[in-house]
């Protein structure tokens, strides 16, 4: 029998990964939750931590997935060079 946590993680994962709309909504939520940004304020920290929690609830941040998560991140192509590259990290722009 599946554990409640595993069953709920499967539901989160299916909800967001089942269609392009689900993926778009998940991306929008994670962007609004500052998952892809550096943390400047206490509010941002709370939002960021909830974004991490949401990813974990979808079963993605399980210890057994960390190597796969890392490999997938490193599989993302580097952006094209810009005319005036800015040094350091860049936050994702929210709409």
N, C-alpha and C. Protein backbone atom coordinates (compact mmCIF):
# COMPACT_ATOMS: atom_id res chain seq x y z
N UNK A 1 0.84 -1.18 0.00
CA UNK A 1 0.00 0.00 0.00
C UNK A 1 0.89 1.25 0.00
N UNK A 2 0.52 2.24 -0.81
CA UNK A 2 1.28 3.48 -0.90
C UNK A 2 1.10 4.32 0.36
N UNK A 3 2.16 5.02 0.70
CA UNK A 3 2.04 5.95 1.81
C UNK A 3 1.23 7.17 1.35
N UNK A 4 0.64 7.86 2.30
CA UNK A 4 -0.13 9.06 1.97
C UNK A 4 0.75 10.11 1.29
N UNK A 5 2.00 10.30 1.81
CA UNK A 5 2.90 11.30 1.24
C UNK A 5 3.24 10.95 -0.20
N UNK A 6 3.50 9.67 -0.50
CA UNK A 6 3.82 9.26 -1.87
C UNK A 6 2.62 9.48 -2.78
N UNK A 7 1.45 9.13 -2.31
CA UNK A 7 0.23 9.30 -3.10
C UNK A 7 -0.03 10.78 -3.40
N UNK A 8 0.18 11.63 -2.41
CA UNK A 8 -0.02 13.06 -2.60
C UNK A 8 1.03 13.62 -3.57
N UNK A 9 2.27 13.18 -3.44
CA UNK A 9 3.32 13.62 -4.36
C UNK A 9 2.97 13.24 -5.80
N UNK A 10 2.44 12.04 -5.99
CA UNK A 10 2.03 11.61 -7.34
C UNK A 10 0.91 12.50 -7.87
N UNK A 11 0.00 12.92 -7.00
CA UNK A 11 -1.09 13.80 -7.43
C UNK A 11 -0.56 15.17 -7.84
N UNK A 12 0.36 15.73 -7.04
CA UNK A 12 0.98 17.02 -7.39
C UNK A 12 1.71 16.89 -8.72
N UNK A 13 2.50 15.83 -8.85
CA UNK A 13 3.29 15.63 -10.06
C UNK A 13 2.38 15.49 -11.28
N UNK A 14 1.34 14.69 -11.16
CA UNK A 14 0.40 14.50 -12.27
C UNK A 14 -0.33 15.80 -12.61
N UNK A 15 -0.73 16.55 -11.60
CA UNK A 15 -1.44 17.81 -11.81
C UNK A 15 -0.61 18.76 -12.66
N UNK A 16 0.67 18.89 -12.33
CA UNK A 16 1.50 19.87 -13.02
C UNK A 16 2.17 19.34 -14.27
N UNK A 17 2.43 18.05 -14.35
CA UNK A 17 3.17 17.51 -15.50
C UNK A 17 2.26 16.90 -16.56
N UNK A 18 0.96 16.83 -16.29
CA UNK A 18 0.04 16.14 -17.19
C UNK A 18 -0.27 16.86 -18.49
N UNK A 19 0.07 18.14 -18.58
CA UNK A 19 -0.21 18.89 -19.81
C UNK A 19 0.72 20.09 -19.87
N UNK A 20 0.80 20.69 -21.04
CA UNK A 20 1.62 21.91 -21.17
C UNK A 20 1.04 23.02 -20.30
N UNK A 21 -0.29 23.08 -20.17
CA UNK A 21 -0.92 24.08 -19.30
C UNK A 21 -0.46 23.89 -17.86
N UNK A 22 -0.41 22.65 -17.40
CA UNK A 22 0.05 22.38 -16.03
C UNK A 22 1.48 22.80 -15.82
N UNK A 23 2.33 22.52 -16.81
CA UNK A 23 3.74 22.91 -16.72
C UNK A 23 3.86 24.43 -16.70
N UNK A 24 3.08 25.11 -17.56
CA UNK A 24 3.12 26.58 -17.59
C UNK A 24 2.68 27.17 -16.26
N UNK A 25 1.63 26.61 -15.66
CA UNK A 25 1.13 27.11 -14.38
C UNK A 25 2.16 26.87 -13.28
N UNK A 26 2.76 25.69 -13.27
CA UNK A 26 3.78 25.36 -12.26
C UNK A 26 4.96 26.33 -12.38
N UNK A 27 5.40 26.58 -13.61
CA UNK A 27 6.50 27.53 -13.83
C UNK A 27 6.12 28.92 -13.34
N UNK A 28 4.92 29.36 -13.65
CA UNK A 28 4.46 30.68 -13.21
C UNK A 28 4.41 30.77 -11.69
N UNK A 29 3.90 29.72 -11.06
CA UNK A 29 3.83 29.71 -9.59
C UNK A 29 5.24 29.77 -8.98
N UNK A 30 6.16 28.95 -9.51
CA UNK A 30 7.52 28.93 -8.97
C UNK A 30 8.23 30.25 -9.19
N UNK A 31 7.94 30.91 -10.31
CA UNK A 31 8.52 32.23 -10.56
C UNK A 31 7.97 33.24 -9.56
N UNK A 32 6.64 33.25 -9.35
CA UNK A 32 6.04 34.15 -8.38
C UNK A 32 6.52 33.87 -6.96
N UNK A 33 6.87 32.62 -6.68
CA UNK A 33 7.36 32.24 -5.35
C UNK A 33 8.86 32.47 -5.20
N UNK A 34 9.46 33.17 -6.16
CA UNK A 34 10.86 33.59 -6.10
C UNK A 34 11.84 32.41 -6.10
N UNK A 35 11.42 31.26 -6.65
CA UNK A 35 12.30 30.10 -6.64
C UNK A 35 13.57 30.36 -7.43
N UNK A 36 13.48 31.17 -8.47
CA UNK A 36 14.62 31.39 -9.37
C UNK A 36 15.33 32.71 -9.07
N UNK A 37 15.17 33.22 -7.87
CA UNK A 37 15.75 34.52 -7.53
C UNK A 37 16.62 34.41 -6.29
N UNK A 38 17.49 35.39 -6.14
CA UNK A 38 18.21 35.52 -4.90
C UNK A 38 17.25 36.13 -3.87
N UNK A 39 17.55 35.91 -2.62
CA UNK A 39 16.64 36.31 -1.54
C UNK A 39 17.13 37.63 -0.95
N UNK A 40 16.30 38.67 -1.07
CA UNK A 40 16.67 39.99 -0.56
C UNK A 40 15.92 40.39 0.69
N UNK A 41 14.70 39.89 0.84
CA UNK A 41 13.87 40.31 1.98
C UNK A 41 13.32 39.09 2.70
N UNK A 42 12.82 39.34 3.88
CA UNK A 42 12.18 38.28 4.66
C UNK A 42 10.98 37.71 3.90
N UNK A 43 10.21 38.58 3.25
CA UNK A 43 9.06 38.11 2.45
C UNK A 43 9.53 37.20 1.32
N UNK A 44 10.60 37.60 0.63
CA UNK A 44 11.14 36.76 -0.44
C UNK A 44 11.59 35.40 0.09
N UNK A 45 12.17 35.39 1.28
CA UNK A 45 12.62 34.12 1.88
C UNK A 45 11.45 33.20 2.14
N UNK A 46 10.34 33.74 2.67
CA UNK A 46 9.15 32.93 2.91
C UNK A 46 8.59 32.38 1.60
N UNK A 47 8.51 33.24 0.59
CA UNK A 47 7.99 32.81 -0.71
C UNK A 47 8.91 31.75 -1.33
N UNK A 48 10.21 32.01 -1.30
CA UNK A 48 11.19 31.08 -1.86
C UNK A 48 11.08 29.71 -1.18
N UNK A 49 11.01 29.72 0.15
CA UNK A 49 10.90 28.47 0.89
C UNK A 49 9.62 27.72 0.55
N UNK A 50 8.52 28.44 0.31
CA UNK A 50 7.30 27.76 -0.08
C UNK A 50 7.45 27.18 -1.49
N UNK A 51 8.17 27.88 -2.38
CA UNK A 51 8.44 27.33 -3.70
C UNK A 51 9.21 26.02 -3.61
N UNK A 52 10.22 25.99 -2.75
CA UNK A 52 10.98 24.76 -2.52
C UNK A 52 10.06 23.66 -1.98
N UNK A 53 9.20 24.04 -1.06
CA UNK A 53 8.26 23.06 -0.47
C UNK A 53 7.32 22.51 -1.54
N UNK A 54 6.85 23.37 -2.44
CA UNK A 54 5.96 22.93 -3.51
C UNK A 54 6.66 21.93 -4.43
N UNK A 55 7.92 22.20 -4.78
CA UNK A 55 8.70 21.27 -5.59
C UNK A 55 8.88 19.95 -4.85
N UNK A 56 9.13 20.02 -3.55
CA UNK A 56 9.28 18.81 -2.75
C UNK A 56 7.97 18.04 -2.67
N UNK A 57 6.85 18.75 -2.52
CA UNK A 57 5.54 18.09 -2.46
C UNK A 57 5.24 17.34 -3.75
N UNK A 58 5.79 17.82 -4.86
CA UNK A 58 5.59 17.14 -6.15
C UNK A 58 6.55 15.97 -6.31
N UNK A 59 7.33 15.67 -5.27
CA UNK A 59 8.21 14.53 -5.27
C UNK A 59 9.50 14.73 -6.02
N UNK A 60 9.82 15.97 -6.37
CA UNK A 60 11.01 16.22 -7.18
C UNK A 60 12.28 16.37 -6.36
N UNK A 61 12.19 16.88 -5.15
CA UNK A 61 13.36 17.09 -4.31
C UNK A 61 13.55 15.96 -3.31
N UNK A 62 13.39 14.75 -3.77
CA UNK A 62 13.69 13.60 -2.92
C UNK A 62 15.17 13.29 -3.07
N UNK A 63 15.77 12.77 -2.03
CA UNK A 63 17.21 12.49 -2.06
C UNK A 63 17.59 11.62 -3.26
N UNK A 64 16.75 10.67 -3.59
CA UNK A 64 17.07 9.78 -4.71
C UNK A 64 17.03 10.49 -6.06
N UNK A 65 16.45 11.69 -6.12
CA UNK A 65 16.36 12.45 -7.38
C UNK A 65 17.45 13.50 -7.54
N UNK A 66 18.26 13.75 -6.52
CA UNK A 66 19.19 14.87 -6.57
C UNK A 66 20.18 14.77 -7.74
N UNK A 67 20.70 13.59 -8.02
CA UNK A 67 21.63 13.45 -9.15
C UNK A 67 20.91 13.75 -10.46
N UNK A 68 19.68 13.27 -10.60
CA UNK A 68 18.90 13.53 -11.81
C UNK A 68 18.57 15.01 -11.95
N UNK A 69 18.20 15.66 -10.85
CA UNK A 69 17.93 17.10 -10.88
C UNK A 69 19.19 17.85 -11.32
N UNK A 70 20.34 17.48 -10.74
CA UNK A 70 21.60 18.14 -11.08
C UNK A 70 21.95 17.92 -12.55
N UNK A 71 21.83 16.70 -13.02
CA UNK A 71 22.14 16.42 -14.43
C UNK A 71 21.21 17.19 -15.37
N UNK A 72 19.93 17.27 -15.01
CA UNK A 72 18.99 18.02 -15.86
C UNK A 72 19.32 19.50 -15.87
N UNK A 73 19.70 20.05 -14.72
CA UNK A 73 20.10 21.46 -14.68
C UNK A 73 21.32 21.70 -15.57
N UNK A 74 22.28 20.80 -15.51
CA UNK A 74 23.49 20.96 -16.32
C UNK A 74 23.23 20.68 -17.80
N UNK A 75 22.09 20.07 -18.12
CA UNK A 75 21.73 19.83 -19.51
C UNK A 75 21.08 21.03 -20.18
N UNK A 76 20.78 22.06 -19.40
CA UNK A 76 20.19 23.27 -19.96
C UNK A 76 21.28 24.04 -20.69
N UNK A 77 21.06 24.37 -21.97
CA UNK A 77 22.11 25.08 -22.70
C UNK A 77 22.36 26.47 -22.13
N UNK A 78 23.59 26.91 -22.24
CA UNK A 78 23.94 28.26 -21.81
C UNK A 78 23.26 29.27 -22.74
N UNK A 79 22.84 30.41 -22.22
CA UNK A 79 22.24 31.43 -23.09
C UNK A 79 23.28 32.00 -24.04
N UNK A 80 22.80 32.54 -25.14
CA UNK A 80 23.69 33.17 -26.11
C UNK A 80 24.37 34.36 -25.44
N UNK A 81 25.63 34.61 -25.82
CA UNK A 81 26.32 35.79 -25.24
C UNK A 81 25.57 37.07 -25.59
N UNK A 82 25.55 37.99 -24.65
CA UNK A 82 24.91 39.28 -24.88
C UNK A 82 25.97 40.31 -25.20
N UNK A 83 25.55 41.43 -25.77
CA UNK A 83 26.50 42.49 -26.11
C UNK A 83 27.24 43.01 -24.89
N UNK A 84 26.51 43.25 -23.80
CA UNK A 84 27.11 43.76 -22.56
C UNK A 84 26.75 42.82 -21.42
N UNK A 85 27.43 41.69 -21.31
CA UNK A 85 27.06 40.75 -20.24
C UNK A 85 27.29 41.36 -18.87
N UNK A 86 26.36 41.08 -17.98
CA UNK A 86 26.46 41.55 -16.60
C UNK A 86 27.13 40.46 -15.78
N UNK A 87 28.07 40.82 -14.92
CA UNK A 87 28.70 39.80 -14.09
C UNK A 87 27.73 39.31 -13.01
N UNK A 88 27.92 38.09 -12.58
CA UNK A 88 27.16 37.56 -11.45
C UNK A 88 25.83 36.93 -11.84
N UNK A 89 25.09 36.56 -10.82
CA UNK A 89 23.80 35.91 -11.01
C UNK A 89 22.76 36.87 -11.51
N UNK A 90 21.80 36.32 -12.27
CA UNK A 90 20.68 37.13 -12.74
C UNK A 90 19.39 36.46 -12.30
N UNK A 91 18.50 37.23 -11.72
CA UNK A 91 17.20 36.71 -11.32
C UNK A 91 16.29 36.62 -12.53
N UNK A 92 15.36 35.69 -12.48
CA UNK A 92 14.35 35.59 -13.54
C UNK A 92 13.37 36.73 -13.34
N UNK A 93 13.02 37.40 -14.41
CA UNK A 93 12.08 38.52 -14.32
C UNK A 93 10.65 37.98 -14.17
N UNK A 94 9.94 38.50 -13.19
CA UNK A 94 8.52 38.15 -13.00
C UNK A 94 7.69 39.08 -13.86
N UNK A 95 6.55 38.57 -14.29
CA UNK A 95 5.62 39.40 -15.07
C UNK A 95 4.80 40.27 -14.16
